Amino acid sequence: MAADDPQRMTQTESKEALEKQVAQLRREITSMKRTLAARAEQAAEQSSGWVENATDRAGRAASALKSRAQEVSGAVQENPVTYSTTALLFTAVGFMIGLAVGQSSDHRHRRWH
């Protein structure tokens, strides 16, 4: 029976040591959870700031675009002949460039079939 006592003490000590290790691991896990939660909160705040910044920039860009479109619309309404003539001139120049490129290309590829 005396031989059983040292073995029981060793088992008891092993069990206590294991329980201490488990308790320590639980504390470490709890600490890691808190750290991760804090970092997740910081990341959420940063991304929220980025979204707000992007939204503000998009709103300003849309306002600027709307303002410029209104300016162009006003200018066209005040000078319709000038803008119509300019558009017609650019169309004619584009057509002439298209003809010149078409004439300079290989004549064997002129057929559609």
PDB file of N, CA and C in Angstrom:
ATOM      1  N   MET A   1       0.830  -1.181   0.000  1.00  0.00           N
ATOM      2  CA  MET A   1       0.000   0.000   0.000  1.00  0.00           C
ATOM      3  C   MET A   1       0.875   1.245   0.000  1.00  0.00           C
ATOM      4  N   ALA A   2       2.036   1.095   0.561  1.00  0.00           N
ATOM      5  CA  ALA A   2       2.961   2.216   0.573  1.00  0.00           C
ATOM      6  C   ALA A   2       3.455   2.520  -0.825  1.00  0.00           C
ATOM      7  N   ALA A   3       3.470   1.490  -1.660  1.00  0.00           N
ATOM      8  CA  ALA A   3       3.909   1.710  -3.030  1.00  0.00           C
ATOM      9  C   ALA A   3       2.857   2.464  -3.819  1.00  0.00           C
ATOM     10  N   ASP A   4       1.580   2.339  -3.432  1.00  0.00           N
ATOM     11  CA  ASP A   4       0.519   3.038  -4.132  1.00  0.00           C
ATOM     12  C   ASP A   4       0.500   4.530  -3.809  1.00  0.00           C
ATOM     13  N   ASP A   5       0.877   4.933  -2.639  1.00  0.00           N
ATOM     14  CA  ASP A   5       0.838   6.338  -2.236  1.00  0.00           C
ATOM     15  C   ASP A   5       1.722   7.224  -3.116  1.00  0.00           C
ATOM     16  N   PRO A   6       2.991   6.874  -3.357  1.00  0.00           N
ATOM     17  CA  PRO A   6       3.786   7.735  -4.229  1.00  0.00           C
ATOM     18  C   PRO A   6       3.202   7.836  -5.627  1.00  0.00           C
ATOM     19  N   GLN A   7       2.601   6.755  -6.113  1.00  0.00           N
ATOM     20  CA  GLN A   7       2.003   6.807  -7.440  1.00  0.00           C
ATOM     21  C   GLN A   7       0.785   7.718  -7.428  1.00  0.00           C
ATOM     22  N   ARG A   8      -0.007   7.656  -6.381  1.00  0.00           N
ATOM     23  CA  ARG A   8      -1.174   8.538  -6.276  1.00  0.00           C
ATOM     24  C   ARG A   8      -0.734   9.993  -6.167  1.00  0.00           C
ATOM     25  N   MET A   9       0.307  10.247  -5.430  1.00  0.00           N
ATOM     26  CA  MET A   9       0.809  11.623  -5.312  1.00  0.00           C
ATOM     27  C   MET A   9       1.265  12.120  -6.683  1.00  0.00           C
ATOM     28  N   THR A  10       1.893  11.270  -7.411  1.00  0.00           N
ATOM     29  CA  THR A  10       2.363  11.658  -8.725  1.00  0.00           C
ATOM     30  C   THR A  10       1.175  11.914  -9.643  1.00  0.00           C
ATOM     31  N   GLN A  11       0.163  11.085  -9.577  1.00  0.00           N
ATOM     32  CA  GLN A  11      -1.036  11.296 -10.380  1.00  0.00           C
ATOM     33  C   GLN A  11      -1.745  12.568  -9.953  1.00  0.00           C
ATOM     34  N   THR A  12      -1.831  12.782  -8.636  1.00  0.00           N
ATOM     35  CA  THR A  12      -2.474  13.987  -8.124  1.00  0.00           C
ATOM     36  C   THR A  12      -1.697  15.228  -8.546  1.00  0.00           C
ATOM     37  N   GLU A  13      -0.400  15.154  -8.415  1.00  0.00           N
ATOM     38  CA  GLU A  13       0.433  16.294  -8.821  1.00  0.00           C
ATOM     39  C   GLU A  13       0.308  16.539 -10.331  1.00  0.00           C
ATOM     40  N   SER A  14       0.284  15.478 -11.103  1.00  0.00           N
ATOM     41  CA  SER A  14       0.143  15.614 -12.545  1.00  0.00           C
ATOM     42  C   SER A  14      -1.202  16.237 -12.898  1.00  0.00           C
ATOM     43  N   LYS A  15      -2.238  15.771 -12.193  1.00  0.00           N
ATOM     44  CA  LYS A  15      -3.571  16.313 -12.442  1.00  0.00           C
ATOM     45  C   LYS A  15      -3.628  17.794 -12.094  1.00  0.00           C
ATOM     46  N   GLU A  16      -3.045  18.177 -10.954  1.00  0.00           N
ATOM     47  CA  GLU A  16      -3.029  19.586 -10.545  1.00  0.00           C
ATOM     48  C   GLU A  16      -2.228  20.432 -11.540  1.00  0.00           C
ATOM     49  N   ALA A  17      -1.089  19.895 -11.974  1.00  0.00           N
ATOM     50  CA  ALA A  17      -0.266  20.634 -12.940  1.00  0.00           C
ATOM     51  C   ALA A  17      -1.022  20.811 -14.250  1.00  0.00           C
ATOM     52  N   LEU A  18      -1.717  19.773 -14.676  1.00  0.00           N
ATOM     53  CA  LEU A  18      -2.503  19.853 -15.899  1.00  0.00           C
ATOM     54  C   LEU A  18      -3.634  20.856 -15.756  1.00  0.00           C
ATOM     55  N   GLU A  19      -4.304  20.850 -14.599  1.00  0.00           N
ATOM     56  CA  GLU A  19      -5.392  21.815 -14.353  1.00  0.00           C
ATOM     57  C   GLU A  19      -4.861  23.245 -14.346  1.00  0.00           C
ATOM     58  N   LYS A  20      -3.660  23.431 -13.790  1.00  0.00           N
ATOM     59  CA  LYS A  20      -3.046  24.767 -13.787  1.00  0.00           C
ATOM     60  C   LYS A  20      -2.750  25.213 -15.227  1.00  0.00           C
ATOM     61  N   GLN A  21      -2.246  24.279 -16.035  1.00  0.00           N
ATOM     62  CA  GLN A  21      -1.949  24.614 -17.426  1.00  0.00           C
ATOM     63  C   GLN A  21      -3.227  24.956 -18.197  1.00  0.00           C
ATOM     64  N   VAL A  22      -4.288  24.205 -17.957  1.00  0.00           N
ATOM     65  CA  VAL A  22      -5.564  24.476 -18.613  1.00  0.00           C
ATOM     66  C   VAL A  22      -6.082  25.843 -18.190  1.00  0.00           C
ATOM     67  N   ALA A  23      -5.991  26.151 -16.891  1.00  0.00           N
ATOM     68  CA  ALA A  23      -6.439  27.460 -16.406  1.00  0.00           C
ATOM     69  C   ALA A  23      -5.619  28.582 -17.041  1.00  0.00           C
ATOM     70  N   GLN A  24      -4.301  28.368 -17.137  1.00  0.00           N
ATOM     71  CA  GLN A  24      -3.442  29.378 -17.768  1.00  0.00           C
ATOM     72  C   GLN A  24      -3.814  29.565 -19.239  1.00  0.00           C
ATOM     73  N   LEU A  25      -4.054  28.475 -19.943  1.00  0.00           N
ATOM     74  CA  LEU A  25      -4.455  28.563 -21.349  1.00  0.00           C
ATOM     75  C   LEU A  25      -5.786  29.287 -21.498  1.00  0.00           C
ATOM     76  N   ARG A  26      -6.715  29.039 -20.598  1.00  0.00           N
ATOM     77  CA  ARG A  26      -8.004  29.740 -20.639  1.00  0.00           C
ATOM     78  C   ARG A  26      -7.819  31.235 -20.451  1.00  0.00           C
ATOM     79  N   ARG A  27      -6.933  31.611 -19.519  1.00  0.00           N
ATOM     80  CA  ARG A  27      -6.668  33.049 -19.313  1.00  0.00           C
ATOM     81  C   ARG A  27      -6.045  33.665 -20.561  1.00  0.00           C
ATOM     82  N   GLU A  28      -5.131  32.937 -21.171  1.00  0.00           N
ATOM     83  CA  GLU A  28      -4.494  33.445 -22.391  1.00  0.00           C
ATOM     84  C   GLU A  28      -5.513  33.574 -23.523  1.00  0.00           C
ATOM     85  N   ILE A  29      -6.397  32.609 -23.648  1.00  0.00           N
ATOM     86  CA  ILE A  29      -7.439  32.670 -24.682  1.00  0.00           C
ATOM     87  C   ILE A  29      -8.348  33.864 -24.441  1.00  0.00           C
ATOM     88  N   THR A  30      -8.718  34.084 -23.180  1.00  0.00           N
ATOM     89  CA  THR A  30      -9.563  35.238 -22.843  1.00  0.00           C
ATOM     90  C   THR A  30      -8.842  36.536 -23.197  1.00  0.00           C
ATOM     91  N   SER A  31      -7.560  36.600 -22.890  1.00  0.00           N
ATOM     92  CA  SER A  31      -6.779  37.793 -23.219  1.00  0.00           C
ATOM     93  C   SER A  31      -6.715  38.000 -24.735  1.00  0.00           C
ATOM     94  N   MET A  32      -6.522  36.920 -25.483  1.00  0.00           N
ATOM     95  CA  MET A  32      -6.480  37.018 -26.948  1.00  0.00           C
ATOM     96  C   MET A  32      -7.823  37.470 -27.501  1.00  0.00           C
ATOM     97  N   LYS A  33      -8.909  36.970 -26.939  1.00  0.00           N
ATOM     98  CA  LYS A  33     -10.241  37.384 -27.388  1.00  0.00           C
ATOM     99  C   LYS A  33     -10.431  38.884 -27.189  1.00  0.00           C
ATOM    100  N   ARG A  34     -10.005  39.376 -26.033  1.00  0.00           N
ATOM    101  CA  ARG A  34     -10.132  40.819 -25.760  1.00  0.00           C
ATOM    102  C   ARG A  34      -9.294  41.635 -26.741  1.00  0.00           C
ATOM    103  N   THR A  35      -8.075  41.169 -26.999  1.00  0.00           N
ATOM    104  CA  THR A  35      -7.194  41.872 -27.936  1.00  0.00           C
ATOM    105  C   THR A  35      -7.797  41.887 -29.334  1.00  0.00           C
ATOM    106  N   LEU A  36      -8.295  40.735 -29.772  1.00  0.00           N
ATOM    107  CA  LEU A  36      -8.923  40.662 -31.092  1.00  0.00           C
ATOM    108  C   LEU A  36     -10.160  41.546 -31.180  1.00  0.00           C
ATOM    109  N   ALA A  37     -10.951  41.575 -30.117  1.00  0.00           N
ATOM    110  CA  ALA A  37     -12.145  42.420 -30.120  1.00  0.00           C
ATOM    111  C   ALA A  37     -11.758  43.894 -30.224  1.00  0.00           C
ATOM    112  N   ALA A  38     -10.708  44.287 -29.502  1.00  0.00           N
ATOM    113  CA  ALA A  38     -10.254  45.684 -29.567  1.00  0.00           C
ATOM    114  C   ALA A  38      -9.746  46.021 -30.963  1.00  0.00           C
ATOM    115  N   ARG A  39      -8.991  45.107 -31.549  1.00  0.00           N
ATOM    116  CA  ARG A  39      -8.469  45.364 -32.900  1.00  0.00           C
ATOM    117  C   ARG A  39      -9.591  45.388 -33.928  1.00  0.00           C
ATOM    118  N   ALA A  40     -10.571  44.527 -33.763  1.00  0.00           N
ATOM    119  CA  ALA A  40     -11.707  44.529 -34.685  1.00  0.00           C
ATOM    120  C   ALA A  40     -12.470  45.841 -34.586  1.00  0.00           C
ATOM    121  N   GLU A  41     -12.603  46.345 -33.379  1.00  0.00           N
ATOM    122  CA  GLU A  41     -13.294  47.627 -33.187  1.00  0.00           C
ATOM    123  C   GLU A  41     -12.517  48.763 -33.845  1.00  0.00           C
ATOM    124  N   GLN A  42     -11.181  48.744 -33.686  1.00  0.00           N
ATOM    125  CA  GLN A  42     -10.351  49.766 -34.327  1.00  0.00           C
ATOM    126  C   GLN A  42     -10.465  49.679 -35.846  1.00  0.00           C
ATOM    127  N   ALA A  43     -10.439  48.462 -36.374  1.00  0.00           N
ATOM    128  CA  ALA A  43     -10.559  48.286 -37.826  1.00  0.00           C
ATOM    129  C   ALA A  43     -11.914  48.778 -38.317  1.00  0.00           C
ATOM    130  N   ALA A  44     -12.963  48.515 -37.552  1.00  0.00           N
ATOM    131  CA  ALA A  44     -14.301  48.975 -37.934  1.00  0.00           C
ATOM    132  C   ALA A  44     -14.360  50.499 -37.941  1.00  0.00           C
ATOM    133  N   GLU A  45     -13.745  51.125 -36.953  1.00  0.00           N
ATOM    134  CA  GLU A  45     -13.728  52.594 -36.900  1.00  0.00           C
ATOM    135  C   GLU A  45     -12.958  53.166 -38.078  1.00  0.00           C
ATOM    136  N   GLN A  46     -11.812  52.551 -38.401  1.00  0.00           N
ATOM    137  CA  GLN A  46     -11.012  53.043 -39.526  1.00  0.00           C
ATOM    138  C   GLN A  46     -11.763  52.881 -40.841  1.00  0.00           C
ATOM    139  N   SER A  47     -12.370  51.726 -41.038  1.00  0.00           N
ATOM    140  CA  SER A  47     -13.088  51.519 -42.298  1.00  0.00           C
ATOM    141  C   SER A  47     -14.295  52.433 -42.387  1.00  0.00           C
ATOM    142  N   SER A  48     -14.914  52.710 -41.263  1.00  0.00           N
ATOM    143  CA  SER A  48     -16.037  53.645 -41.258  1.00  0.00           C
ATOM    144  C   SER A  48     -15.561  55.037 -41.678  1.00  0.00           C
ATOM    145  N   GLY A  49     -14.397  55.419 -41.179  1.00  0.00           N
ATOM    146  CA  GLY A  49     -13.823  56.707 -41.566  1.00  0.00           C
ATOM    147  C   GLY A  49     -13.505  56.760 -43.048  1.00  0.00           C
ATOM    148  N   TRP A  50     -12.987  55.657 -43.567  1.00  0.00           N
ATOM    149  CA  TRP A  50     -12.675  55.609 -44.996  1.00  0.00           C
ATOM    150  C   TRP A  50     -13.940  55.706 -45.833  1.00  0.00           C
ATOM    151  N   VAL A  51     -14.975  55.020 -45.404  1.00  0.00           N
ATOM    152  CA  VAL A  51     -16.237  55.059 -46.152  1.00  0.00           C
ATOM    153  C   VAL A  51     -16.815  56.470 -46.125  1.00  0.00           C
ATOM    154  N   GLU A  52     -16.788  57.096 -44.955  1.00  0.00           N
ATOM    155  CA  GLU A  52     -17.302  58.468 -44.859  1.00  0.00           C
ATOM    156  C   GLU A  52     -16.492  59.404 -45.748  1.00  0.00           C
ATOM    157  N   ASN A  53     -15.176  59.239 -45.758  1.00  0.00           N
ATOM    158  CA  ASN A  53     -14.318  60.075 -46.586  1.00  0.00           C
ATOM    159  C   ASN A  53     -14.624  59.863 -48.068  1.00  0.00           C
ATOM    160  N   ALA A  54     -14.770  58.603 -48.465  1.00  0.00           N
ATOM    161  CA  ALA A  54     -15.081  58.307 -49.864  1.00  0.00           C
ATOM    162  C   ALA A  54     -16.453  58.854 -50.241  1.00  0.00           C
ATOM    163  N   THR A  55     -17.407  58.756 -49.331  1.00  0.00           N
ATOM    164  CA  THR A  55     -18.748  59.282 -49.590  1.00  0.00           C
ATOM    165  C   THR A  55     -18.706  60.794 -49.756  1.00  0.00           C
ATOM    166  N   ASP A  56     -17.947  61.459 -48.893  1.00  0.00           N
ATOM    167  CA  ASP A  56     -17.818  62.912 -49.008  1.00  0.00           C
ATOM    168  C   ASP A  56     -17.186  63.304 -50.341  1.00  0.00           C
ATOM    169  N   ARG A  57     -16.133  62.600 -50.719  1.00  0.00           N
ATOM    170  CA  ARG A  57     -15.461  62.906 -51.987  1.00  0.00           C
ATOM    171  C   ARG A  57     -16.388  62.670 -53.174  1.00  0.00           C
ATOM    172  N   ALA A  58     -17.122  61.560 -53.125  1.00  0.00           N
ATOM    173  CA  ALA A  58     -18.052  61.260 -54.220  1.00  0.00           C
ATOM    174  C   ALA A  58     -19.143  62.325 -54.301  1.00  0.00           C
ATOM    175  N   GLY A  59     -19.623  62.771 -53.167  1.00  0.00           N
ATOM    176  CA  GLY A  59     -20.640  63.825 -53.151  1.00  0.00           C
ATOM    177  C   GLY A  59     -20.118  65.131 -53.724  1.00  0.00           C
ATOM    178  N   ARG A  60     -18.879  65.482 -53.354  1.00  0.00           N
ATOM    179  CA  ARG A  60     -18.287  66.708 -53.896  1.00  0.00           C
ATOM    180  C   ARG A  60     -18.053  66.589 -55.393  1.00  0.00           C
ATOM    181  N   ALA A  61     -17.607  65.419 -55.835  1.00  0.00           N
ATOM    182  CA  ALA A  61     -17.377  65.215 -57.273  1.00  0.00           C
ATOM    183  C   ALA A  61     -18.695  65.301 -58.035  1.00  0.00           C
ATOM    184  N   ALA A  62     -19.748  64.708 -57.480  1.00  0.00           N
ATOM    185  CA  ALA A  62     -21.056  64.770 -58.141  1.00  0.00           C
ATOM    186  C   ALA A  62     -21.558  66.211 -58.205  1.00  0.00           C
ATOM    187  N   SER A  63     -21.358  66.961 -57.131  1.00  0.00           N
ATOM    188  CA  SER A  63     -21.784  68.370 -57.129  1.00  0.00           C
ATOM    189  C   SER A  63     -21.000  69.174 -58.160  1.00  0.00           C
ATOM    190  N   ALA A  64     -19.692  68.938 -58.226  1.00  0.00           N
ATOM    191  CA  ALA A  64     -18.865  69.657 -59.201  1.00  0.00           C
ATOM    192  C   ALA A  64     -19.274  69.286 -60.621  1.00  0.00           C
ATOM    193  N   LEU A  65     -19.535  68.011 -60.848  1.00  0.00           N
ATOM    194  CA  LEU A  65     -19.957  67.559 -62.173  1.00  0.00           C
ATOM    195  C   LEU A  65     -21.296  68.175 -62.556  1.00  0.00           C
ATOM    196  N   LYS A  66     -22.214  68.217 -61.618  1.00  0.00           N
ATOM    197  CA  LYS A  66     -23.524  68.816 -61.881  1.00  0.00           C
ATOM    198  C   LYS A  66     -23.374  70.301 -62.196  1.00  0.00           C
ATOM    199  N   SER A  67     -22.510  70.971 -61.439  1.00  0.00           N
ATOM    200  CA  SER A  67     -22.277  72.401 -61.667  1.00  0.00           C
ATOM    201  C   SER A  67     -21.686  72.640 -63.058  1.00  0.00           C
ATOM    202  N   ARG A  68     -20.706  71.818 -63.447  1.00  0.00           N
ATOM    203  CA  ARG A  68     -20.089  71.970 -64.761  1.00  0.00           C
ATOM    204  C   ARG A  68     -21.100  71.667 -65.867  1.00  0.00           C
ATOM    205  N   ALA A  69     -21.929  70.660 -65.664  1.00  0.00           N
ATOM    206  CA  ALA A  69     -22.944  70.327 -66.668  1.00  0.00           C
ATOM    207  C   ALA A  69     -23.934  71.479 -66.825  1.00  0.00           C
ATOM    208  N   GLN A  70     -24.283  72.108 -65.721  1.00  0.00           N
ATOM    209  CA  GLN A  70     -25.196  73.252 -65.794  1.00  0.00           C
ATOM    210  C   GLN A  70     -24.532  74.421 -66.515  1.00  0.00           C
ATOM    211  N   GLU A  71     -23.222  74.624 -66.283  1.00  0.00           N
ATOM    212  CA  GLU A  71     -22.506  75.687 -66.967  1.00  0.00           C
ATOM    213  C   GLU A  71     -22.481  75.440 -68.479  1.00  0.00           C
ATOM    214  N   VAL A  72     -22.181  74.202 -68.857  1.00  0.00           N
ATOM    215  CA  VAL A  72     -22.143  73.863 -70.285  1.00  0.00           C
ATOM    216  C   VAL A  72     -23.529  74.002 -70.894  1.00  0.00           C
ATOM    217  N   SER A  73     -24.524  73.541 -70.183  1.00  0.00           N
ATOM    218  CA  SER A  73     -25.900  73.642 -70.680  1.00  0.00           C
ATOM    219  C   SER A  73     -26.299  75.103 -70.863  1.00  0.00           C
ATOM    220  N   GLY A  74     -25.921  75.931 -69.916  1.00  0.00           N
ATOM    221  CA  GLY A  74     -26.225  77.362 -70.023  1.00  0.00           C
ATOM    222  C   GLY A  74     -25.510  77.997 -71.201  1.00  0.00           C
ATOM    223  N   ALA A  75     -24.238  77.611 -71.391  1.00  0.00           N
ATOM    224  CA  ALA A  75     -23.477  78.166 -72.512  1.00  0.00           C
ATOM    225  C   ALA A  75     -24.075  77.727 -73.846  1.00  0.00           C
ATOM    226  N   VAL A  76     -24.519  76.481 -73.937  1.00  0.00           N
ATOM    227  CA  VAL A  76     -25.130  75.996 -75.175  1.00  0.00           C
ATOM    228  C   VAL A  76     -26.454  76.713 -75.420  1.00  0.00           C
ATOM    229  N   GLN A  77     -27.213  76.941 -74.374  1.00  0.00           N
ATOM    230  CA  GLN A  77     -28.489  77.632 -74.532  1.00  0.00           C
ATOM    231  C   GLN A  77     -28.281  79.084 -74.946  1.00  0.00           C
ATOM    232  N   GLU A  78     -27.210  79.705 -74.481  1.00  0.00           N
ATOM    233  CA  GLU A  78     -26.933  81.095 -74.841  1.00  0.00           C
ATOM    234  C   GLU A  78     -26.366  81.207 -76.259  1.00  0.00           C
ATOM    235  N   ASN A  79     -25.623  80.217 -76.705  1.00  0.00           N
ATOM    236  CA  ASN A  79     -24.974  80.258 -78.015  1.00  0.00           C
ATOM    237  C   ASN A  79     -25.226  78.962 -78.786  1.00  0.00           C
ATOM    238  N   PRO A  80     -26.444  78.676 -79.164  1.00  0.00           N
ATOM    239  CA  PRO A  80     -26.717  77.393 -79.822  1.00  0.00           C
ATOM    240  C   PRO A  80     -26.058  77.269 -81.198  1.00  0.00           C
ATOM    241  N   VAL A  81     -25.967  78.346 -81.921  1.00  0.00           N
ATOM    242  CA  VAL A  81     -25.389  78.288 -83.273  1.00  0.00           C
ATOM    243  C   VAL A  81     -23.900  77.974 -83.185  1.00  0.00           C
ATOM    244  N   THR A  82     -23.218  78.578 -82.253  1.00  0.00           N
ATOM    245  CA  THR A  82     -21.780  78.343 -82.102  1.00  0.00           C
ATOM    246  C   THR A  82     -21.504  76.878 -81.792  1.00  0.00           C
ATOM    247  N   TYR A  83     -22.230  76.319 -80.852  1.00  0.00           N
ATOM    248  CA  TYR A  83     -22.001  74.924 -80.471  1.00  0.00           C
ATOM    249  C   TYR A  83     -22.451  73.954 -81.564  1.00  0.00           C
ATOM    250  N   SER A  84     -23.512  74.278 -82.257  1.00  0.00           N
ATOM    251  CA  SER A  84     -23.947  73.423 -83.366  1.00  0.00           C
ATOM    252  C   SER A  84     -22.911  73.431 -84.482  1.00  0.00           C
ATOM    253  N   THR A  85     -22.384  74.601 -84.785  1.00  0.00           N
ATOM    254  CA  THR A  85     -21.362  74.710 -85.818  1.00  0.00           C
ATOM    255  C   THR A  85     -20.100  73.942 -85.409  1.00  0.00           C
ATOM    256  N   THR A  86     -19.705  74.070 -84.169  1.00  0.00           N
ATOM    257  CA  THR A  86     -18.520  73.357 -83.678  1.00  0.00           C
ATOM    258  C   THR A  86     -18.724  71.853 -83.767  1.00  0.00           C
ATOM    259  N   ALA A  87     -19.897  71.380 -83.356  1.00  0.00           N
ATOM    260  CA  ALA A  87     -20.184  69.945 -83.424  1.00  0.00           C
ATOM    261  C   ALA A  87     -20.178  69.465 -84.872  1.00  0.00           C
ATOM    262  N   LEU A  88     -20.759  70.226 -85.756  1.00  0.00           N
ATOM    263  CA  LEU A  88     -20.785  69.867 -87.174  1.00  0.00           C
ATOM    264  C   LEU A  88     -19.371  69.850 -87.755  1.00  0.00           C
ATOM    265  N   LEU A  89     -18.559  70.812 -87.373  1.00  0.00           N
ATOM    266  CA  LEU A  89     -17.181  70.880 -87.854  1.00  0.00           C
ATOM    267  C   LEU A  89     -16.384  69.651 -87.403  1.00  0.00           C
ATOM    268  N   PHE A  90     -16.504  69.284 -86.126  1.00  0.00           N
ATOM    269  CA  PHE A  90     -15.794  68.103 -85.625  1.00  0.00           C
ATOM    270  C   PHE A  90     -16.302  66.829 -86.300  1.00  0.00           C
ATOM    271  N   THR A  91     -17.595  66.764 -86.570  1.00  0.00           N
ATOM    272  CA  THR A  91     -18.143  65.601 -87.272  1.00  0.00           C
ATOM    273  C   THR A  91     -17.570  65.509 -88.675  1.00  0.00           C
ATOM    274  N   ALA A  92     -17.484  66.623 -89.371  1.00  0.00           N
ATOM    275  CA  ALA A  92     -16.940  66.644 -90.725  1.00  0.00           C
ATOM    276  C   ALA A  92     -15.461  66.253 -90.727  1.00  0.00           C
ATOM    277  N   VAL A  93     -14.711  66.778 -89.767  1.00  0.00           N
ATOM    278  CA  VAL A  93     -13.283  66.436 -89.674  1.00  0.00           C
ATOM    279  C   VAL A  93     -13.124  64.946 -89.399  1.00  0.00           C
ATOM    280  N   GLY A  94     -13.933  64.397 -88.512  1.00  0.00           N
ATOM    281  CA  GLY A  94     -13.882  62.960 -88.232  1.00  0.00           C
ATOM    282  C   GLY A  94     -14.222  62.132 -89.449  1.00  0.00           C
ATOM    283  N   PHE A  95     -15.207  62.571 -90.211  1.00  0.00           N
ATOM    284  CA  PHE A  95     -15.591  61.870 -91.434  1.00  0.00           C
ATOM    285  C   PHE A  95     -14.453  61.892 -92.442  1.00  0.00           C
ATOM    286  N   MET A  96     -13.807  63.041 -92.592  1.00  0.00           N
ATOM    287  CA  MET A  96     -12.695  63.160 -93.539  1.00  0.00           C
ATOM    288  C   MET A  96     -11.525  62.283 -93.117  1.00  0.00           C
ATOM    289  N   ILE A  97     -11.246  62.227 -91.837  1.00  0.00           N
ATOM    290  CA  ILE A  97     -10.166  61.356 -91.348  1.00  0.00           C
ATOM    291  C   ILE A  97     -10.521  59.900 -91.626  1.00  0.00           C
ATOM    292  N   GLY A  98     -11.763  59.542 -91.415  1.00  0.00           N
ATOM    293  CA  GLY A  98     -12.214  58.180 -91.709  1.00  0.00           C
ATOM    294  C   GLY A  98     -12.066  57.830 -93.170  1.00  0.00           C
ATOM    295  N   LEU A  99     -12.421  58.749 -94.043  1.00  0.00           N
ATOM    296  CA  LEU A  99     -12.245  58.515 -95.476  1.00  0.00           C
ATOM    297  C   LEU A  99     -10.774  58.360 -95.840  1.00  0.00           C
ATOM    298  N   ALA A 100      -9.934  59.225 -95.287  1.00  0.00           N
ATOM    299  CA  ALA A 100      -8.503  59.163 -95.599  1.00  0.00           C
ATOM    300  C   ALA A 100      -7.914  57.842 -95.133  1.00  0.00           C
ATOM    301  N   VAL A 101      -8.275  57.376 -93.965  1.00  0.00           N
ATOM    302  CA  VAL A 101      -7.768  56.100 -93.462  1.00  0.00           C
ATOM    303  C   VAL A 101      -8.301  54.965 -94.319  1.00  0.00           C
ATOM    304  N   GLY A 102      -9.559  55.044 -94.725  1.00  0.00           N
ATOM    305  CA  GLY A 102     -10.147  54.011 -95.574  1.00  0.00           C
ATOM    306  C   GLY A 102      -9.495  53.939 -96.939  1.00  0.00           C
ATOM    307  N   GLN A 103      -9.150  55.082 -97.510  1.00  0.00           N
ATOM    308  CA  GLN A 103      -8.520  55.113 -98.826  1.00  0.00           C
ATOM    309  C   GLN A 103      -7.080  54.602 -98.773  1.00  0.00           C
ATOM    310  N   SER A 104      -6.409  54.813 -97.658  1.00  0.00           N
ATOM    311  CA  SER A 104      -5.008  54.414 -97.566  1.00  0.00           C
ATOM    312  C   SER A 104      -4.844  52.950 -97.207  1.00  0.00           C
ATOM    313  N   SER A 105      -5.903  52.262 -96.820  1.00  0.00           N
ATOM    314  CA  SER A 105      -5.798  50.851 -96.460  1.00  0.00           C
ATOM    315  C   SER A 105      -5.693  49.992 -97.706  1.00  0.00           C
ATOM    316  N   ASP A 106      -5.357  48.742 -97.527  1.00  0.00           N
ATOM    317  CA  ASP A 106      -5.169  47.798 -98.629  1.00  0.00           C
ATOM    318  C   ASP A 106      -6.476  47.627 -99.395  1.00  0.00           C
ATOM    319  N   HIS A 107      -6.424  47.689-100.738  1.00  0.00           N
ATOM    320  CA  HIS A 107      -7.629  47.610-101.567  1.00  0.00           C
ATOM    321  C   HIS A 107      -8.212  46.201-101.616  1.00  0.00           C
ATOM    322  N   ARG A 108      -7.444  45.165-101.291  1.00  0.00           N
ATOM    323  CA  ARG A 108      -7.967  43.816-101.317  1.00  0.00           C
ATOM    324  C   ARG A 108      -9.001  43.568-100.227  1.00  0.00           C
ATOM    325  N   HIS A 109      -9.014  44.347 -99.181  1.00  0.00           N
ATOM    326  CA  HIS A 109      -9.930  44.150 -98.055  1.00  0.00           C
ATOM    327  C   HIS A 109     -11.153  45.063 -98.139  1.00  0.00           C
ATOM    328  N   ARG A 110     -11.435  45.602 -99.293  1.00  0.00           N
ATOM    329  CA  ARG A 110     -12.535  46.550 -99.410  1.00  0.00           C
ATOM    330  C   ARG A 110     -13.883  45.848 -99.554  1.00  0.00           C
ATOM    331  N   ARG A 111     -13.901  44.607 -99.938  1.00  0.00           N
ATOM    332  CA  ARG A 111     -15.164  43.891-100.125  1.00  0.00           C
ATOM    333  C   ARG A 111     -15.719  43.442 -98.796  1.00  0.00           C
ATOM    334  N   TRP A 112     -17.019  43.397 -98.707  1.00  0.00           N
ATOM    335  CA  TRP A 112     -17.703  43.008 -97.472  1.00  0.00           C
ATOM    336  C   TRP A 112     -17.915  41.509 -97.386  1.00  0.00           C
ATOM    337  N   HIS A 113     -17.803  40.812 -98.478  1.00  0.00           N
ATOM    338  CA  HIS A 113     -18.080  39.362 -98.440  1.00  0.00           C
ATOM    339  C   HIS A 113     -16.843  38.555 -98.515  1.00  0.00           C
TER     340      HIS A 113
END
